[in-house]
Amino acid sequence: MIVRMQSKGHSITGIRMKQSDARRLFPCDLKSVDLELDHLRIRCDLRSNFWLDRPEISDPRLSSWLEEKLYWQKLPRTPVSLEMVRAGDSYRLRIRPSHQAIKPGFGLIA
């Protein structure tokens, strides 16, 4: 599933997904979700309005991880896309490569 980075001004607050994905993938009685961030695994609480109108996951550790991943880049004007992949009883999160950073036949530009 594709999710987007959430930011407020110059600070990253978490991730946001499509409302249809939230309703389809997460039972409405779910209180928290486990995320794998590289070697770190964290549990994030879900707010009661997660399924209604705010399918966002916010956590200071998630925000720090996202900021670290984007440290050398200027905060983009459009939200960064991430992949959220089911990994057993948790979800693995990783930043998707930007289509601007890839040259055909050469892979990622360092």
C-alpha atoms as a PDB file:
ATOM      1  CA  MET A   1       0.000   0.000   0.000  1.00  0.00           C
ATOM      2  CA  ILE A   2       1.221   3.499  -0.771  1.00  0.00           C
ATOM      3  CA  VAL A   3       1.062   6.042   2.053  1.00  0.00           C
ATOM      4  CA  ARG A   4       2.196   9.673   2.187  1.00  0.00           C
ATOM      5  CA  MET A   5       4.337  11.559   4.625  1.00  0.00           C
ATOM      6  CA  GLN A   6       2.376  14.067   6.705  1.00  0.00           C
ATOM      7  CA  SER A   7       3.998  17.358   7.581  1.00  0.00           C
ATOM      8  CA  LYS A   8       2.996  20.538   9.318  1.00  0.00           C
ATOM      9  CA  GLY A   9       5.120  23.463   8.263  1.00  0.00           C
ATOM     10  CA  HIS A  10       8.736  22.321   8.483  1.00  0.00           C
ATOM     11  CA  SER A  11       8.142  19.335  10.776  1.00  0.00           C
ATOM     12  CA  ILE A  12       7.135  15.833   9.790  1.00  0.00           C
ATOM     13  CA  THR A  13       4.239  14.505  11.845  1.00  0.00           C
ATOM     14  CA  GLY A  14       3.725  10.964  10.519  1.00  0.00           C
ATOM     15  CA  ILE A  15       2.031   9.193   7.619  1.00  0.00           C
ATOM     16  CA  ARG A  16      -1.393   9.314   5.994  1.00  0.00           C
ATOM     17  CA  MET A  17      -3.139   6.717   3.867  1.00  0.00           C
ATOM     18  CA  LYS A  18      -6.269   6.643   1.743  1.00  0.00           C
ATOM     19  CA  GLN A  19      -9.406   6.296   3.796  1.00  0.00           C
ATOM     20  CA  SER A  20     -10.477   3.280   1.716  1.00  0.00           C
ATOM     21  CA  ASP A  21      -7.167   1.522   2.524  1.00  0.00           C
ATOM     22  CA  ALA A  22      -7.557   2.220   6.238  1.00  0.00           C
ATOM     23  CA  ARG A  23     -11.074   0.769   6.289  1.00  0.00           C
ATOM     24  CA  ARG A  24     -10.108  -2.223   4.154  1.00  0.00           C
ATOM     25  CA  LEU A  25      -6.890  -3.206   5.937  1.00  0.00           C
ATOM     26  CA  PHE A  26      -7.422  -2.311   9.583  1.00  0.00           C
ATOM     27  CA  PRO A  27     -10.292  -3.670  11.712  1.00  0.00           C
ATOM     28  CA  CYS A  28     -12.235  -0.873  13.410  1.00  0.00           C
ATOM     29  CA  ASP A  29     -11.483  -2.319  16.868  1.00  0.00           C
ATOM     30  CA  LEU A  30      -7.700  -2.167  16.292  1.00  0.00           C
ATOM     31  CA  LYS A  31      -6.064   0.056  18.923  1.00  0.00           C
ATOM     32  CA  SER A  32      -2.495   0.140  17.578  1.00  0.00           C
ATOM     33  CA  VAL A  33      -0.301  -0.929  14.674  1.00  0.00           C
ATOM     34  CA  ASP A  34       3.290  -2.173  14.671  1.00  0.00           C
ATOM     35  CA  LEU A  35       5.664  -0.566  12.176  1.00  0.00           C
ATOM     36  CA  GLU A  36       9.116  -1.782  11.131  1.00  0.00           C
ATOM     37  CA  LEU A  37      11.443   1.130  10.433  1.00  0.00           C
ATOM     38  CA  ASP A  38      14.695  -0.390   9.196  1.00  0.00           C
ATOM     39  CA  HIS A  39      15.925  -2.310  12.278  1.00  0.00           C
ATOM     40  CA  LEU A  40      13.491  -0.620  14.673  1.00  0.00           C
ATOM     41  CA  ARG A  41       9.994  -1.905  15.466  1.00  0.00           C
ATOM     42  CA  ILE A  42       7.530   0.479  17.092  1.00  0.00           C
ATOM     43  CA  ARG A  43       3.895   0.276  18.153  1.00  0.00           C
ATOM     44  CA  CYS A  44       1.768   3.293  17.243  1.00  0.00           C
ATOM     45  CA  ASP A  45      -1.627   3.983  18.777  1.00  0.00           C
ATOM     46  CA  LEU A  46      -4.489   4.683  16.373  1.00  0.00           C
ATOM     47  CA  ARG A  47      -6.832   7.542  17.146  1.00  0.00           C
ATOM     48  CA  SER A  48     -10.584   6.922  17.214  1.00  0.00           C
ATOM     49  CA  ASN A  49     -11.124   9.052  14.081  1.00  0.00           C
ATOM     50  CA  PHE A  50      -8.600   6.955  12.097  1.00  0.00           C
ATOM     51  CA  TRP A  51     -11.377   5.113  10.213  1.00  0.00           C
ATOM     52  CA  LEU A  52     -13.744   8.062   9.917  1.00  0.00           C
ATOM     53  CA  ASP A  53     -11.851  10.959   8.400  1.00  0.00           C
ATOM     54  CA  ARG A  54      -8.204  11.029   9.590  1.00  0.00           C
ATOM     55  CA  PRO A  55      -6.368   7.848   8.477  1.00  0.00           C
ATOM     56  CA  GLU A  56      -3.067   9.068   9.918  1.00  0.00           C
ATOM     57  CA  ILE A  57      -0.418   7.420  12.050  1.00  0.00           C
ATOM     58  CA  SER A  58       1.581   9.825  14.198  1.00  0.00           C
ATOM     59  CA  ASP A  59       4.344   8.996  16.623  1.00  0.00           C
ATOM     60  CA  PRO A  60       7.481  10.911  17.658  1.00  0.00           C
ATOM     61  CA  ARG A  61       9.694   7.913  16.749  1.00  0.00           C
ATOM     62  CA  LEU A  62       8.100   7.669  13.304  1.00  0.00           C
ATOM     63  CA  SER A  63       8.565  11.407  12.786  1.00  0.00           C
ATOM     64  CA  SER A  64      12.232  11.173  13.811  1.00  0.00           C
ATOM     65  CA  TRP A  65      12.819   8.243  11.461  1.00  0.00           C
ATOM     66  CA  LEU A  66      11.232  10.104   8.532  1.00  0.00           C
ATOM     67  CA  GLU A  67      13.226  13.254   9.283  1.00  0.00           C
ATOM     68  CA  GLU A  68      16.444  11.203   9.440  1.00  0.00           C
ATOM     69  CA  LYS A  69      15.672   9.579   6.077  1.00  0.00           C
ATOM     70  CA  LEU A  70      15.073  13.004   4.516  1.00  0.00           C
ATOM     71  CA  TYR A  71      17.809  14.868   6.425  1.00  0.00           C
ATOM     72  CA  TRP A  72      19.995  15.670   3.402  1.00  0.00           C
ATOM     73  CA  GLN A  73      17.068  16.550   1.182  1.00  0.00           C
ATOM     74  CA  LYS A  74      15.115  19.756   1.245  1.00  0.00           C
ATOM     75  CA  LEU A  75      11.613  19.046   2.542  1.00  0.00           C
ATOM     76  CA  PRO A  76       9.657  18.507  -0.671  1.00  0.00           C
ATOM     77  CA  ARG A  77       6.660  20.648  -1.595  1.00  0.00           C
ATOM     78  CA  THR A  78       4.625  17.519  -2.293  1.00  0.00           C
ATOM     79  CA  PRO A  79       4.324  14.709   0.267  1.00  0.00           C
ATOM     80  CA  VAL A  80       6.864  11.908  -0.003  1.00  0.00           C
ATOM     81  CA  SER A  81       5.409   8.521  -0.963  1.00  0.00           C
ATOM     82  CA  LEU A  82       6.227   5.498   1.146  1.00  0.00           C
ATOM     83  CA  GLU A  83       5.515   1.809   0.817  1.00  0.00           C
ATOM     84  CA  MET A  84       3.757   0.120   3.718  1.00  0.00           C
ATOM     85  CA  VAL A  85       4.032  -3.639   3.291  1.00  0.00           C
ATOM     86  CA  ARG A  86       2.510  -6.299   5.530  1.00  0.00           C
ATOM     87  CA  ALA A  87       5.270  -8.258   7.305  1.00  0.00           C
ATOM     88  CA  GLY A  88       3.649 -10.873   9.531  1.00  0.00           C
ATOM     89  CA  ASP A  89       1.844  -9.019  12.325  1.00  0.00           C
ATOM     90  CA  SER A  90       3.437  -5.656  11.486  1.00  0.00           C
ATOM     91  CA  TYR A  91       4.004  -3.340   8.540  1.00  0.00           C
ATOM     92  CA  ARG A  92       7.388  -2.554   7.009  1.00  0.00           C
ATOM     93  CA  LEU A  93       7.733   1.079   6.005  1.00  0.00           C
ATOM     94  CA  ARG A  94      10.206   2.377   3.437  1.00  0.00           C
ATOM     95  CA  ILE A  95      10.559   5.509   1.388  1.00  0.00           C
ATOM     96  CA  ARG A  96       9.859   4.929  -2.287  1.00  0.00           C
ATOM     97  CA  PRO A  97      12.596   5.992  -4.690  1.00  0.00           C
ATOM     98  CA  SER A  98      11.740   9.262  -6.373  1.00  0.00           C
ATOM     99  CA  HIS A  99      11.117   8.931 -10.101  1.00  0.00           C
ATOM    100  CA  GLN A 100      13.384  11.965 -10.503  1.00  0.00           C
ATOM    101  CA  ALA A 101      16.307  10.172  -8.834  1.00  0.00           C
ATOM    102  CA  ILE A 102      16.316   7.189 -11.217  1.00  0.00           C
ATOM    103  CA  LYS A 103      17.980   7.066 -14.610  1.00  0.00           C
ATOM    104  CA  PRO A 104      16.906   4.204 -16.907  1.00  0.00           C
ATOM    105  CA  GLY A 105      19.535   1.474 -16.864  1.00  0.00           C
ATOM    106  CA  PHE A 106      21.596   3.112 -14.125  1.00  0.00           C
ATOM    107  CA  GLY A 107      19.571   2.559 -10.959  1.00  0.00           C
ATOM    108  CA  LEU A 108      19.518   5.140  -8.188  1.00  0.00           C
ATOM    109  CA  ILE A 109      21.708   8.211  -8.389  1.00  0.00           C
ATOM    110  CA  ALA A 110      23.749   8.655  -5.225  1.00  0.00           C
END
